[in-house]
Amino acid sequence: MEDAPGAAETRGGVTVDACLDAREQAAAMEIVRQVRLRVAGRLECALLFGSKARRQARPDSDVDVLLVFRRLTPDREPQASHAETIADEVARRTGVPVGVWSVSRQDLEPGRRTPMLVDALDDAVPLWPDVDPPRAVFAPADAAFCAARLVDRVDEGGAEVARALAAGDEGWMRRLRDDVVRLCTAALLLAGETRPRRGDAVRRFIERHPRWPLSADERATLAWAARSYPPGHLELDDGHPVPPLPASVDAALDLVDRMRALVIFRTRRAERAGTFVRGEGWEGDG
């Protein structure tokens, strides 16, 4: 197989030539070449994804490359770190902002797929080899898997928020906001919705749950979480300022507990039924 940018079409008929200029293509393919030479592990394919693949990139957008390996350890190491080092080297040398995301074939299997991976594959344009990229459909088993992982992250956040509050560190607001977003995202995934991100996920959660009883402080907390990202911002856990919480701390923490119970109930329901949970049942909402 030749190390040349793929010309195969995506579902929408888009080729890599339509997504990247010659300099960007050269940088992306240099990463693929170096990864194949230097990273331990069989690389099955390399795909362009993200805003460049969707042809929605801004002038400062990165070139995002998805690397699909035959096998990786659960933590994706050391291959992921090695590939990221290569991408950093290429970016410094070429001046092209490039980034990589390493996954394994196992990550494409039912019950292991994340919404971001499904979306990335849906947008993907082949870089190497010149064949149609793998596709995946987000299934109820994937939603249950992802929701459970998000609840795990929220559980970790509870201790972090408690420590920050005790220390008088205002960083607790960022973690609480992030946990609200995680739970909104989990509820949407369990309903089969994968695209809403960050503030949009909170707004969509509110739209989907018009009858869920909420106190004024809980409504204020959700609205605060939704508007705490600047326009077009899609990143979680970054450093931009989070506005002060316009509600009592106890009410916000109670909201997280209620949302957590709701997500756990719906996760179990999705696992039992093997379907997405699109109703508004509040069983398990303590």
C-alpha atoms as a PDB file:
ATOM      1  CA  MET A   1       0.000   0.000   0.000  1.00  0.00           C
ATOM      2  CA  GLU A   2       1.410   3.377  -0.924  1.00  0.00           C
ATOM      3  CA  ASP A   3       1.812   6.219   1.549  1.00  0.00           C
ATOM      4  CA  ALA A   4      -0.382   8.637  -0.354  1.00  0.00           C
ATOM      5  CA  PRO A   5      -3.464  10.563   0.716  1.00  0.00           C
ATOM      6  CA  GLY A   6      -6.586   8.538   0.168  1.00  0.00           C
ATOM      7  CA  ALA A   7      -8.919   9.432  -2.654  1.00  0.00           C
ATOM      8  CA  ALA A   8     -11.767   7.208  -1.495  1.00  0.00           C
ATOM      9  CA  GLU A   9     -15.018   8.981  -0.892  1.00  0.00           C
ATOM     10  CA  THR A  10     -16.967   9.385   2.311  1.00  0.00           C
ATOM     11  CA  ARG A  11     -20.703   8.862   2.354  1.00  0.00           C
ATOM     12  CA  GLY A  12     -21.127  12.467   1.293  1.00  0.00           C
ATOM     13  CA  GLY A  13     -18.697  12.079  -1.623  1.00  0.00           C
ATOM     14  CA  VAL A  14     -15.933  14.139   0.045  1.00  0.00           C
ATOM     15  CA  THR A  15     -12.268  13.359  -0.658  1.00  0.00           C
ATOM     16  CA  VAL A  16      -9.220  14.335   1.350  1.00  0.00           C
ATOM     17  CA  ASP A  17      -8.201  16.712  -1.437  1.00  0.00           C
ATOM     18  CA  ALA A  18     -11.345  18.719  -0.699  1.00  0.00           C
ATOM     19  CA  CYS A  19     -10.534  18.868   3.022  1.00  0.00           C
ATOM     20  CA  LEU A  20      -6.805  19.592   3.254  1.00  0.00           C
ATOM     21  CA  ASP A  21      -4.353  21.681   1.281  1.00  0.00           C
ATOM     22  CA  ALA A  22      -1.103  20.142   0.051  1.00  0.00           C
ATOM     23  CA  ARG A  23       0.862  21.253   3.126  1.00  0.00           C
ATOM     24  CA  GLU A  24      -1.716  19.796   5.510  1.00  0.00           C
ATOM     25  CA  GLN A  25      -1.892  16.542   3.553  1.00  0.00           C
ATOM     26  CA  ALA A  26       1.875  16.208   3.663  1.00  0.00           C
ATOM     27  CA  ALA A  27       1.913  16.731   7.450  1.00  0.00           C
ATOM     28  CA  ALA A  28      -0.869  14.205   8.023  1.00  0.00           C
ATOM     29  CA  MET A  29       0.790  11.592   5.846  1.00  0.00           C
ATOM     30  CA  GLU A  30       4.142  12.145   7.549  1.00  0.00           C
ATOM     31  CA  ILE A  31       2.479  11.274  10.848  1.00  0.00           C
ATOM     32  CA  VAL A  32       1.062   8.099   9.316  1.00  0.00           C
ATOM     33  CA  ARG A  33       4.462   7.151   7.891  1.00  0.00           C
ATOM     34  CA  GLN A  34       6.263   7.757  11.181  1.00  0.00           C
ATOM     35  CA  VAL A  35       3.633   5.915  13.224  1.00  0.00           C
ATOM     36  CA  ARG A  36       3.901   2.876  10.971  1.00  0.00           C
ATOM     37  CA  LEU A  37       7.688   2.929  11.306  1.00  0.00           C
ATOM     38  CA  ARG A  38       8.119   3.791  14.975  1.00  0.00           C
ATOM     39  CA  VAL A  39       5.048   2.790  16.991  1.00  0.00           C
ATOM     40  CA  ALA A  40       4.798  -0.770  18.292  1.00  0.00           C
ATOM     41  CA  GLY A  41       1.491  -2.117  17.085  1.00  0.00           C
ATOM     42  CA  ARG A  42      -0.189  -2.821  13.786  1.00  0.00           C
ATOM     43  CA  LEU A  43      -1.829   0.284  12.337  1.00  0.00           C
ATOM     44  CA  GLU A  44      -4.891  -0.756  10.323  1.00  0.00           C
ATOM     45  CA  CYS A  45      -5.947   2.628   8.997  1.00  0.00           C
ATOM     46  CA  ALA A  46      -5.594   6.383   9.435  1.00  0.00           C
ATOM     47  CA  LEU A  47      -8.563   8.693   8.963  1.00  0.00           C
ATOM     48  CA  LEU A  48      -9.118  12.425   8.827  1.00  0.00           C
ATOM     49  CA  PHE A  49     -11.958  13.481  11.139  1.00  0.00           C
ATOM     50  CA  GLY A  50     -13.298  16.569  12.848  1.00  0.00           C
ATOM     51  CA  SER A  51     -13.942  19.995  11.391  1.00  0.00           C
ATOM     52  CA  LYS A  52     -11.483  19.524   8.507  1.00  0.00           C
ATOM     53  CA  ALA A  53     -13.263  16.337   7.405  1.00  0.00           C
ATOM     54  CA  ARG A  54     -16.638  18.087   7.679  1.00  0.00           C
ATOM     55  CA  ARG A  55     -15.251  21.100   5.799  1.00  0.00           C
ATOM     56  CA  GLN A  56     -16.320  23.340   8.671  1.00  0.00           C
ATOM     57  CA  ALA A  57     -12.829  24.280   9.824  1.00  0.00           C
ATOM     58  CA  ARG A  58     -11.789  27.695  11.042  1.00  0.00           C
ATOM     59  CA  PRO A  59      -8.392  29.114  10.039  1.00  0.00           C
ATOM     60  CA  ASP A  60      -6.941  27.934  13.381  1.00  0.00           C
ATOM     61  CA  SER A  61      -8.507  24.456  13.329  1.00  0.00           C
ATOM     62  CA  ASP A  62      -6.283  21.418  13.851  1.00  0.00           C
ATOM     63  CA  VAL A  63      -5.862  18.580  11.397  1.00  0.00           C
ATOM     64  CA  ASP A  64      -7.312  15.648  13.380  1.00  0.00           C
ATOM     65  CA  VAL A  65      -6.070  12.162  12.531  1.00  0.00           C
ATOM     66  CA  LEU A  66      -7.731   9.013  13.895  1.00  0.00           C
ATOM     67  CA  LEU A  67      -5.350   6.056  14.156  1.00  0.00           C
ATOM     68  CA  VAL A  68      -7.013   2.635  14.318  1.00  0.00           C
ATOM     69  CA  PHE A  69      -4.687  -0.109  15.603  1.00  0.00           C
ATOM     70  CA  ARG A  70      -5.333  -3.837  15.542  1.00  0.00           C
ATOM     71  CA  ARG A  71      -4.843  -4.115  19.313  1.00  0.00           C
ATOM     72  CA  LEU A  72      -4.103  -1.737  22.195  1.00  0.00           C
ATOM     73  CA  THR A  73      -4.027  -2.106  25.965  1.00  0.00           C
ATOM     74  CA  PRO A  74      -7.051  -0.694  27.853  1.00  0.00           C
ATOM     75  CA  ASP A  75      -5.185   2.547  28.619  1.00  0.00           C
ATOM     76  CA  ARG A  76      -4.012   2.774  24.987  1.00  0.00           C
ATOM     77  CA  GLU A  77      -0.398   3.027  26.158  1.00  0.00           C
ATOM     78  CA  PRO A  78       2.370   3.283  25.147  1.00  0.00           C
ATOM     79  CA  GLN A  79       1.157   3.573  21.552  1.00  0.00           C
ATOM     80  CA  ALA A  80      -1.073   6.611  22.128  1.00  0.00           C
ATOM     81  CA  SER A  81       1.665   8.646  23.823  1.00  0.00           C
ATOM     82  CA  HIS A  82       4.199   7.672  21.173  1.00  0.00           C
ATOM     83  CA  ALA A  83       1.824   8.707  18.384  1.00  0.00           C
ATOM     84  CA  GLU A  84       1.142  12.019  20.129  1.00  0.00           C
ATOM     85  CA  THR A  85       4.880  12.665  20.399  1.00  0.00           C
ATOM     86  CA  ILE A  86       5.230  12.045  16.678  1.00  0.00           C
ATOM     87  CA  ALA A  87       2.344  14.410  15.940  1.00  0.00           C
ATOM     88  CA  ASP A  88       3.965  17.110  18.092  1.00  0.00           C
ATOM     89  CA  GLU A  89       7.251  16.662  16.234  1.00  0.00           C
ATOM     90  CA  VAL A  90       5.545  16.970  12.855  1.00  0.00           C
ATOM     91  CA  ALA A  91       3.566  20.010  13.984  1.00  0.00           C
ATOM     92  CA  ARG A  92       6.725  21.794  15.147  1.00  0.00           C
ATOM     93  CA  ARG A  93       8.611  20.926  11.995  1.00  0.00           C
ATOM     94  CA  THR A  94       5.862  21.811   9.508  1.00  0.00           C
ATOM     95  CA  GLY A  95       3.948  24.535  11.319  1.00  0.00           C
ATOM     96  CA  VAL A  96       0.720  22.592  10.669  1.00  0.00           C
ATOM     97  CA  PRO A  97      -1.413  22.067  13.809  1.00  0.00           C
ATOM     98  CA  VAL A  98      -1.988  18.310  13.771  1.00  0.00           C
ATOM     99  CA  GLY A  99      -3.301  15.984  16.447  1.00  0.00           C
ATOM    100  CA  VAL A 100      -3.891  12.256  16.732  1.00  0.00           C
ATOM    101  CA  TRP A 101      -6.383  10.017  18.499  1.00  0.00           C
ATOM    102  CA  SER A 102      -5.419   6.359  18.904  1.00  0.00           C
ATOM    103  CA  VAL A 103      -8.067   3.640  19.195  1.00  0.00           C
ATOM    104  CA  SER A 104      -8.151  -0.096  18.707  1.00  0.00           C
ATOM    105  CA  ARG A 105     -10.417  -2.408  16.743  1.00  0.00           C
ATOM    106  CA  GLN A 106     -12.012  -3.399  20.048  1.00  0.00           C
ATOM    107  CA  ASP A 107     -13.223   0.182  20.463  1.00  0.00           C
ATOM    108  CA  LEU A 108     -15.355  -0.285  17.336  1.00  0.00           C
ATOM    109  CA  GLU A 109     -17.156  -3.324  18.713  1.00  0.00           C
ATOM    110  CA  PRO A 110     -20.782  -3.136  19.980  1.00  0.00           C
ATOM    111  CA  GLY A 111     -20.956  -2.216  23.648  1.00  0.00           C
ATOM    112  CA  ARG A 112     -17.630  -0.347  23.526  1.00  0.00           C
ATOM    113  CA  ARG A 113     -18.304   2.504  21.109  1.00  0.00           C
ATOM    114  CA  THR A 114     -18.274   6.072  22.356  1.00  0.00           C
ATOM    115  CA  PRO A 115     -20.399   8.750  20.695  1.00  0.00           C
ATOM    116  CA  MET A 116     -17.308  10.749  19.753  1.00  0.00           C
ATOM    117  CA  LEU A 117     -15.815   7.720  18.014  1.00  0.00           C
ATOM    118  CA  VAL A 118     -19.061   6.984  16.166  1.00  0.00           C
ATOM    119  CA  ASP A 119     -19.282  10.631  15.087  1.00  0.00           C
ATOM    120  CA  ALA A 120     -15.615  10.655  14.062  1.00  0.00           C
ATOM    121  CA  LEU A 121     -16.122   7.554  11.920  1.00  0.00           C
ATOM    122  CA  ASP A 122     -19.283   9.020  10.427  1.00  0.00           C
ATOM    123  CA  ASP A 123     -17.327  12.102   9.306  1.00  0.00           C
ATOM    124  CA  ALA A 124     -14.133  10.243   8.441  1.00  0.00           C
ATOM    125  CA  VAL A 125     -12.200  10.651   5.209  1.00  0.00           C
ATOM    126  CA  PRO A 126      -9.508   8.015   4.508  1.00  0.00           C
ATOM    127  CA  LEU A 127      -5.864   9.049   4.636  1.00  0.00           C
ATOM    128  CA  TRP A 128      -4.312   5.572   4.560  1.00  0.00           C
ATOM    129  CA  PRO A 129      -4.996   3.102   3.042  1.00  0.00           C
ATOM    130  CA  ASP A 130      -7.160   4.282   0.160  1.00  0.00           C
ATOM    131  CA  VAL A 131     -10.270   2.283   1.133  1.00  0.00           C
ATOM    132  CA  ASP A 132     -13.618   3.048   2.676  1.00  0.00           C
ATOM    133  CA  PRO A 133     -13.224   3.797   6.404  1.00  0.00           C
ATOM    134  CA  PRO A 134     -14.853   1.576   9.036  1.00  0.00           C
ATOM    135  CA  ARG A 135     -18.285   2.685  10.182  1.00  0.00           C
ATOM    136  CA  ALA A 136     -20.138   2.135  13.431  1.00  0.00           C
ATOM    137  CA  VAL A 137     -23.654   2.695  14.706  1.00  0.00           C
ATOM    138  CA  PHE A 138     -24.254   3.878  18.256  1.00  0.00           C
ATOM    139  CA  ALA A 139     -26.314   1.144  19.922  1.00  0.00           C
ATOM    140  CA  PRO A 140     -28.133   0.891  23.287  1.00  0.00           C
ATOM    141  CA  ALA A 141     -25.315  -1.291  24.640  1.00  0.00           C
ATOM    142  CA  ASP A 142     -22.848   1.477  23.758  1.00  0.00           C
ATOM    143  CA  ALA A 143     -25.044   4.041  25.503  1.00  0.00           C
ATOM    144  CA  ALA A 144     -25.195   1.954  28.678  1.00  0.00           C
ATOM    145  CA  PHE A 145     -21.427   1.444  28.621  1.00  0.00           C
ATOM    146  CA  CYS A 146     -20.720   5.164  28.152  1.00  0.00           C
ATOM    147  CA  ALA A 147     -23.312   6.285  30.709  1.00  0.00           C
ATOM    148  CA  ALA A 148     -21.781   3.996  33.329  1.00  0.00           C
ATOM    149  CA  ARG A 149     -18.328   5.436  32.639  1.00  0.00           C
ATOM    150  CA  LEU A 150     -19.691   8.982  32.956  1.00  0.00           C
ATOM    151  CA  VAL A 151     -21.297   8.129  36.303  1.00  0.00           C
ATOM    152  CA  ASP A 152     -17.915   6.795  37.445  1.00  0.00           C
ATOM    153  CA  ARG A 153     -16.363  10.158  36.554  1.00  0.00           C
ATOM    154  CA  VAL A 154     -19.110  11.985  38.457  1.00  0.00           C
ATOM    155  CA  ASP A 155     -18.479   9.805  41.496  1.00  0.00           C
ATOM    156  CA  GLU A 156     -14.820  10.810  41.360  1.00  0.00           C
ATOM    157  CA  GLY A 157     -15.905  14.430  41.074  1.00  0.00           C
ATOM    158  CA  GLY A 158     -17.971  14.297  44.263  1.00  0.00           C
ATOM    159  CA  ALA A 159     -14.844  13.832  46.364  1.00  0.00           C
ATOM    160  CA  GLU A 160     -13.015  16.512  44.389  1.00  0.00           C
ATOM    161  CA  VAL A 161     -15.825  19.033  44.935  1.00  0.00           C
ATOM    162  CA  ALA A 162     -15.945  18.232  48.666  1.00  0.00           C
ATOM    163  CA  ARG A 163     -12.195  18.754  49.048  1.00  0.00           C
ATOM    164  CA  ALA A 164     -12.253  22.036  47.114  1.00  0.00           C
ATOM    165  CA  LEU A 165     -15.201  23.358  49.138  1.00  0.00           C
ATOM    166  CA  ALA A 166     -13.454  22.479  52.399  1.00  0.00           C
ATOM    167  CA  ALA A 167     -10.302  24.255  51.230  1.00  0.00           C
ATOM    168  CA  GLY A 168     -12.155  27.339  50.009  1.00  0.00           C
ATOM    169  CA  ASP A 169     -10.963  26.651  46.467  1.00  0.00           C
ATOM    170  CA  GLU A 170     -13.394  27.963  43.851  1.00  0.00           C
ATOM    171  CA  GLY A 171     -12.277  25.200  41.497  1.00  0.00           C
ATOM    172  CA  TRP A 172     -15.217  23.206  42.870  1.00  0.00           C
ATOM    173  CA  MET A 173     -17.521  25.186  40.569  1.00  0.00           C
ATOM    174  CA  ARG A 174     -15.744  23.966  37.440  1.00  0.00           C
ATOM    175  CA  ARG A 175     -15.899  20.333  38.553  1.00  0.00           C
ATOM    176  CA  LEU A 176     -19.550  20.607  39.564  1.00  0.00           C
ATOM    177  CA  ARG A 177     -20.356  22.219  36.196  1.00  0.00           C
ATOM    178  CA  ASP A 178     -18.488  19.470  34.376  1.00  0.00           C
ATOM    179  CA  ASP A 179     -20.354  16.776  36.310  1.00  0.00           C
ATOM    180  CA  VAL A 180     -23.722  18.356  35.445  1.00  0.00           C
ATOM    181  CA  VAL A 181     -22.665  18.281  31.791  1.00  0.00           C
ATOM    182  CA  ARG A 182     -21.556  14.645  32.072  1.00  0.00           C
ATOM    183  CA  LEU A 183     -24.909  13.601  33.500  1.00  0.00           C
ATOM    184  CA  CYS A 184     -26.875  15.538  30.878  1.00  0.00           C
ATOM    185  CA  THR A 185     -24.734  13.877  28.216  1.00  0.00           C
ATOM    186  CA  ALA A 186     -25.310  10.431  29.734  1.00  0.00           C
ATOM    187  CA  ALA A 187     -29.090  10.923  29.740  1.00  0.00           C
ATOM    188  CA  LEU A 188     -29.010  11.970  26.091  1.00  0.00           C
ATOM    189  CA  LEU A 189     -26.832   9.003  25.090  1.00  0.00           C
ATOM    190  CA  LEU A 190     -29.299   6.648  26.751  1.00  0.00           C
ATOM    191  CA  ALA A 191     -31.986   8.235  24.557  1.00  0.00           C
ATOM    192  CA  GLY A 192     -29.860   7.677  21.442  1.00  0.00           C
ATOM    193  CA  GLU A 193     -28.638  11.267  20.999  1.00  0.00           C
ATOM    194  CA  THR A 194     -24.894  11.540  20.383  1.00  0.00           C
ATOM    195  CA  ARG A 195     -24.249  14.956  18.863  1.00  0.00           C
ATOM    196  CA  PRO A 196     -25.054  17.542  21.598  1.00  0.00           C
ATOM    197  CA  ARG A 197     -21.868  18.590  23.358  1.00  0.00           C
ATOM    198  CA  ARG A 198     -21.122  20.626  26.496  1.00  0.00           C
ATOM    199  CA  GLY A 199     -23.557  23.533  26.872  1.00  0.00           C
ATOM    200  CA  ASP A 200     -25.704  22.200  24.039  1.00  0.00           C
ATOM    201  CA  ALA A 201     -26.071  18.910  25.923  1.00  0.00           C
ATOM    202  CA  VAL A 202     -27.473  20.740  28.951  1.00  0.00           C
ATOM    203  CA  ARG A 203     -29.898  22.733  26.825  1.00  0.00           C
ATOM    204  CA  ARG A 204     -31.039  19.571  25.044  1.00  0.00           C
ATOM    205  CA  PHE A 205     -31.488  17.771  28.375  1.00  0.00           C
ATOM    206  CA  ILE A 206     -33.765  20.608  29.540  1.00  0.00           C
ATOM    207  CA  GLU A 207     -35.764  20.420  26.302  1.00  0.00           C
ATOM    208  CA  ARG A 208     -36.217  16.646  26.659  1.00  0.00           C
ATOM    209  CA  HIS A 209     -37.368  16.872  30.292  1.00  0.00           C
ATOM    210  CA  PRO A 210     -39.942  19.662  30.469  1.00  0.00           C
ATOM    211  CA  ARG A 211     -41.940  17.907  33.206  1.00  0.00           C
ATOM    212  CA  TRP A 212     -39.099  16.886  35.489  1.00  0.00           C
ATOM    213  CA  PRO A 213     -39.752  18.685  38.791  1.00  0.00           C
ATOM    214  CA  LEU A 214     -37.009  21.221  39.456  1.00  0.00           C
ATOM    215  CA  SER A 215     -36.596  23.862  42.124  1.00  0.00           C
ATOM    216  CA  ALA A 216     -35.716  27.420  41.145  1.00  0.00           C
ATOM    217  CA  ASP A 217     -32.130  26.822  42.276  1.00  0.00           C
ATOM    218  CA  GLU A 218     -31.884  23.610  40.243  1.00  0.00           C
ATOM    219  CA  ARG A 219     -33.162  25.373  37.141  1.00  0.00           C
ATOM    220  CA  ALA A 220     -30.654  28.148  37.743  1.00  0.00           C
ATOM    221  CA  THR A 221     -27.861  25.572  38.071  1.00  0.00           C
ATOM    222  CA  LEU A 222     -28.741  23.942  34.743  1.00  0.00           C
ATOM    223  CA  ALA A 223     -28.968  27.319  33.004  1.00  0.00           C
ATOM    224  CA  TRP A 224     -25.591  28.300  34.509  1.00  0.00           C
ATOM    225  CA  ALA A 225     -23.955  25.103  33.257  1.00  0.00           C
ATOM    226  CA  ALA A 226     -25.392  25.639  29.762  1.00  0.00           C
ATOM    227  CA  ARG A 227     -24.158  29.208  29.399  1.00  0.00           C
ATOM    228  CA  SER A 228     -20.749  28.747  31.036  1.00  0.00           C
ATOM    229  CA  TYR A 229     -19.042  27.958  27.725  1.00  0.00           C
ATOM    230  CA  PRO A 230     -18.148  30.710  25.246  1.00  0.00           C
ATOM    231  CA  PRO A 231     -19.825  30.521  21.809  1.00  0.00           C
ATOM    232  CA  GLY A 232     -18.526  27.628  19.739  1.00  0.00           C
ATOM    233  CA  HIS A 233     -16.572  26.181  22.660  1.00  0.00           C
ATOM    234  CA  LEU A 234     -16.556  22.387  22.772  1.00  0.00           C
ATOM    235  CA  GLU A 235     -13.899  21.448  25.289  1.00  0.00           C
ATOM    236  CA  LEU A 236     -14.379  20.147  28.826  1.00  0.00           C
ATOM    237  CA  ASP A 237     -11.820  20.458  31.635  1.00  0.00           C
ATOM    238  CA  ASP A 238     -10.031  23.440  30.135  1.00  0.00           C
ATOM    239  CA  GLY A 239      -8.879  26.640  31.798  1.00  0.00           C
ATOM    240  CA  HIS A 240     -11.332  29.314  30.725  1.00  0.00           C
ATOM    241  CA  PRO A 241     -13.165  31.059  33.591  1.00  0.00           C
ATOM    242  CA  VAL A 242     -16.399  29.596  34.937  1.00  0.00           C
ATOM    243  CA  PRO A 243     -18.936  32.198  36.146  1.00  0.00           C
ATOM    244  CA  PRO A 244     -20.104  32.090  39.776  1.00  0.00           C
ATOM    245  CA  LEU A 245     -22.886  29.639  40.568  1.00  0.00           C
ATOM    246  CA  PRO A 246     -26.179  31.601  40.819  1.00  0.00           C
ATOM    247  CA  ALA A 247     -27.724  29.105  43.256  1.00  0.00           C
ATOM    248  CA  SER A 248     -27.056  27.539  46.621  1.00  0.00           C
ATOM    249  CA  VAL A 249     -24.296  24.935  46.774  1.00  0.00           C
ATOM    250  CA  ASP A 250     -26.591  22.450  48.511  1.00  0.00           C
ATOM    251  CA  ALA A 251     -29.217  22.743  45.767  1.00  0.00           C
ATOM    252  CA  ALA A 252     -26.601  22.222  43.053  1.00  0.00           C
ATOM    253  CA  LEU A 253     -25.222  19.154  44.821  1.00  0.00           C
ATOM    254  CA  ASP A 254     -28.751  17.800  45.270  1.00  0.00           C
ATOM    255  CA  LEU A 255     -29.329  18.263  41.541  1.00  0.00           C
ATOM    256  CA  VAL A 256     -26.217  16.206  40.754  1.00  0.00           C
ATOM    257  CA  ASP A 257     -27.454  13.451  43.080  1.00  0.00           C
ATOM    258  CA  ARG A 258     -30.897  13.413  41.461  1.00  0.00           C
ATOM    259  CA  MET A 259     -29.465  13.373  37.939  1.00  0.00           C
ATOM    260  CA  ARG A 260     -27.050  10.618  38.907  1.00  0.00           C
ATOM    261  CA  ALA A 261     -29.933   8.477  40.206  1.00  0.00           C
ATOM    262  CA  LEU A 262     -31.890   9.109  37.018  1.00  0.00           C
ATOM    263  CA  VAL A 263     -28.970   8.099  34.799  1.00  0.00           C
ATOM    264  CA  ILE A 264     -28.286   4.937  36.816  1.00  0.00           C
ATOM    265  CA  PHE A 265     -31.958   3.906  36.600  1.00  0.00           C
ATOM    266  CA  ARG A 266     -32.064   4.486  32.855  1.00  0.00           C
ATOM    267  CA  THR A 267     -28.753   2.699  32.334  1.00  0.00           C
ATOM    268  CA  ARG A 268     -30.123  -0.411  34.019  1.00  0.00           C
ATOM    269  CA  ARG A 269     -33.306  -0.127  32.006  1.00  0.00           C
ATOM    270  CA  ALA A 270     -31.342   0.138  28.749  1.00  0.00           C
ATOM    271  CA  GLU A 271     -29.250  -2.897  29.714  1.00  0.00           C
ATOM    272  CA  ARG A 272     -32.333  -4.975  30.520  1.00  0.00           C
ATOM    273  CA  ALA A 273     -34.395  -3.974  27.505  1.00  0.00           C
ATOM    274  CA  GLY A 274     -31.598  -3.607  24.973  1.00  0.00           C
ATOM    275  CA  THR A 275     -33.209  -0.388  23.729  1.00  0.00           C
ATOM    276  CA  PHE A 276     -32.703   3.335  24.073  1.00  0.00           C
ATOM    277  CA  VAL A 277     -34.669   4.988  26.893  1.00  0.00           C
ATOM    278  CA  ARG A 278     -36.640   7.829  25.388  1.00  0.00           C
ATOM    279  CA  GLY A 279     -39.464   8.198  27.915  1.00  0.00           C
ATOM    280  CA  GLU A 280     -39.666  10.469  30.938  1.00  0.00           C
ATOM    281  CA  GLY A 281     -39.992   7.872  33.675  1.00  0.00           C
ATOM    282  CA  TRP A 282     -38.531   9.145  36.927  1.00  0.00           C
ATOM    283  CA  GLU A 283     -38.257   5.836  38.741  1.00  0.00           C
ATOM    284  CA  GLY A 284     -35.082   5.726  40.766  1.00  0.00           C
ATOM    285  CA  ASP A 285     -35.008   9.525  41.084  1.00  0.00           C
ATOM    286  CA  GLY A 286     -34.407   9.950  44.776  1.00  0.00           C
END
